[in-house]
């Protein structure tokens, strides 16, 4: 009888299981990276929205201040019917 494989069965089983776990770990890391990227995009979007809202509020405040500070001329005409 000839030996087909000269390494112990335990080494073969270890290598086989290691590949399966390595693939699962790689997939899990990819999922985590994608989730982190989504979270980063959501955070950036929220910050951009807050910045835009702040700019709009400042513009509205400046517009209101400009409207309040306008002084117009008023002509008062008195009539004396007598």
C-alpha atoms as a PDB file:
ATOM      1  CA  UNK A   1       0.000   0.000   0.000  1.00  0.00           C
ATOM      2  CA  UNK A   2       1.287   3.423  -0.949  1.00  0.00           C
ATOM      3  CA  UNK A   3       0.774   6.570   1.073  1.00  0.00           C
ATOM      4  CA  UNK A   4      -1.277   9.155  -0.846  1.00  0.00           C
ATOM      5  CA  UNK A   5      -0.747  12.048   1.531  1.00  0.00           C
ATOM      6  CA  UNK A   6       2.214  12.359   3.849  1.00  0.00           C
ATOM      7  CA  UNK A   7       0.796  14.987   6.184  1.00  0.00           C
ATOM      8  CA  UNK A   8      -1.430  14.106   9.138  1.00  0.00           C
ATOM      9  CA  UNK A   9      -5.180  14.409   8.748  1.00  0.00           C
ATOM     10  CA  UNK A  10      -5.346  17.008  11.519  1.00  0.00           C
ATOM     11  CA  UNK A  11      -3.233  19.434   9.441  1.00  0.00           C
ATOM     12  CA  UNK A  12      -5.540  18.994   6.467  1.00  0.00           C
ATOM     13  CA  UNK A  13      -8.621  19.594   8.637  1.00  0.00           C
ATOM     14  CA  UNK A  14      -7.006  22.646  10.219  1.00  0.00           C
ATOM     15  CA  UNK A  15      -6.200  24.150   6.821  1.00  0.00           C
ATOM     16  CA  UNK A  16      -9.697  23.449   5.553  1.00  0.00           C
ATOM     17  CA  UNK A  17     -11.378  25.074   8.569  1.00  0.00           C
ATOM     18  CA  UNK A  18      -8.977  28.003   8.504  1.00  0.00           C
ATOM     19  CA  UNK A  19      -9.968  28.859   4.933  1.00  0.00           C
ATOM     20  CA  UNK A  20     -13.647  28.811   5.851  1.00  0.00           C
ATOM     21  CA  UNK A  21     -13.142  31.078   8.867  1.00  0.00           C
ATOM     22  CA  UNK A  22     -10.851  33.373   6.903  1.00  0.00           C
ATOM     23  CA  UNK A  23     -13.557  33.820   4.256  1.00  0.00           C
ATOM     24  CA  UNK A  24     -16.174  34.528   6.929  1.00  0.00           C
ATOM     25  CA  UNK A  25     -13.860  37.007   8.638  1.00  0.00           C
ATOM     26  CA  UNK A  26     -13.172  38.730   5.322  1.00  0.00           C
ATOM     27  CA  UNK A  27     -16.911  38.988   4.595  1.00  0.00           C
ATOM     28  CA  UNK A  28     -17.605  40.305   8.092  1.00  0.00           C
ATOM     29  CA  UNK A  29     -14.848  42.919   7.786  1.00  0.00           C
ATOM     30  CA  UNK A  30     -16.296  44.030   4.435  1.00  0.00           C
ATOM     31  CA  UNK A  31     -19.754  44.387   6.010  1.00  0.00           C
ATOM     32  CA  UNK A  32     -18.301  46.372   8.916  1.00  0.00           C
ATOM     33  CA  UNK A  33     -16.407  48.664   6.533  1.00  0.00           C
ATOM     34  CA  UNK A  34     -19.551  49.282   4.498  1.00  0.00           C
ATOM     35  CA  UNK A  35     -21.567  50.025   7.645  1.00  0.00           C
ATOM     36  CA  UNK A  36     -18.874  52.439   8.831  1.00  0.00           C
ATOM     37  CA  UNK A  37     -18.860  54.164   5.439  1.00  0.00           C
ATOM     38  CA  UNK A  38     -22.658  54.508   5.566  1.00  0.00           C
ATOM     39  CA  UNK A  39     -22.406  55.955   9.075  1.00  0.00           C
ATOM     40  CA  UNK A  40     -19.722  58.415   7.966  1.00  0.00           C
ATOM     41  CA  UNK A  41     -21.854  59.518   5.003  1.00  0.00           C
ATOM     42  CA  UNK A  42     -24.904  59.949   7.227  1.00  0.00           C
ATOM     43  CA  UNK A  43     -22.877  62.002   9.716  1.00  0.00           C
ATOM     44  CA  UNK A  44     -21.458  64.201   6.949  1.00  0.00           C
ATOM     45  CA  UNK A  45     -24.946  64.675   5.507  1.00  0.00           C
ATOM     46  CA  UNK A  46     -26.336  65.661   8.907  1.00  0.00           C
ATOM     47  CA  UNK A  47     -23.490  68.122   9.452  1.00  0.00           C
ATOM     48  CA  UNK A  48     -24.043  69.608   5.991  1.00  0.00           C
ATOM     49  CA  UNK A  49     -27.786  69.929   6.672  1.00  0.00           C
ATOM     50  CA  UNK A  50     -27.129  71.604  10.041  1.00  0.00           C
ATOM     51  CA  UNK A  51     -24.676  74.004   8.408  1.00  0.00           C
ATOM     52  CA  UNK A  52     -27.207  74.862   5.689  1.00  0.00           C
ATOM     53  CA  UNK A  53     -29.956  75.431   8.256  1.00  0.00           C
ATOM     54  CA  UNK A  54     -27.645  77.666  10.295  1.00  0.00           C
ATOM     55  CA  UNK A  55     -26.737  79.694   7.194  1.00  0.00           C
ATOM     56  CA  UNK A  56     -30.416  80.088   6.300  1.00  0.00           C
ATOM     57  CA  UNK A  57     -31.233  81.223   9.841  1.00  0.00           C
ATOM     58  CA  UNK A  58     -28.409  83.767   9.771  1.00  0.00           C
ATOM     59  CA  UNK A  59     -29.584  85.057   6.386  1.00  0.00           C
ATOM     60  CA  UNK A  60     -33.159  85.393   7.642  1.00  0.00           C
ATOM     61  CA  UNK A  61     -31.934  87.203  10.755  1.00  0.00           C
ATOM     62  CA  UNK A  62     -29.826  89.585   8.656  1.00  0.00           C
ATOM     63  CA  UNK A  63     -32.776  90.207   6.350  1.00  0.00           C
ATOM     64  CA  UNK A  64     -35.072  90.949   9.314  1.00  0.00           C
ATOM     65  CA  UNK A  65     -32.483  93.287  10.834  1.00  0.00           C
ATOM     66  CA  UNK A  66     -32.113  95.097   7.515  1.00  0.00           C
ATOM     67  CA  UNK A  67     -35.876  95.498   7.229  1.00  0.00           C
ATOM     68  CA  UNK A  68     -36.146  96.846  10.784  1.00  0.00           C
ATOM     69  CA  UNK A  69     -33.328  99.313  10.344  1.00  0.00           C
ATOM     70  CA  UNK A  70     -34.828 100.917   7.233  1.00  0.00           C
ATOM     71  CA  UNK A  71     -36.176 104.333   7.988  1.00  0.00           C
ATOM     72  CA  UNK A  72     -38.503 105.863   5.484  1.00  0.00           C
ATOM     73  CA  UNK A  73     -39.564 109.427   5.075  1.00  0.00           C
ATOM     74  CA  UNK A  74     -43.021 110.300   6.086  1.00  0.00           C
ATOM     75  CA  UNK A  75     -44.816 113.395   4.831  1.00  0.00           C
ATOM     76  CA  UNK A  76     -47.546 114.623   7.055  1.00  0.00           C
ATOM     77  CA  UNK A  77     -50.013 116.882   5.395  1.00  0.00           C
ATOM     78  CA  UNK A  78     -52.362 118.794   7.550  1.00  0.00           C
ATOM     79  CA  UNK A  79     -55.361 120.345   6.078  1.00  0.00           C
ATOM     80  CA  UNK A  80     -57.222 123.172   7.701  1.00  0.00           C
ATOM     81  CA  UNK A  81     -60.690 123.263   6.250  1.00  0.00           C
ATOM     82  CA  UNK A  82     -61.637 126.452   8.017  1.00  0.00           C
END
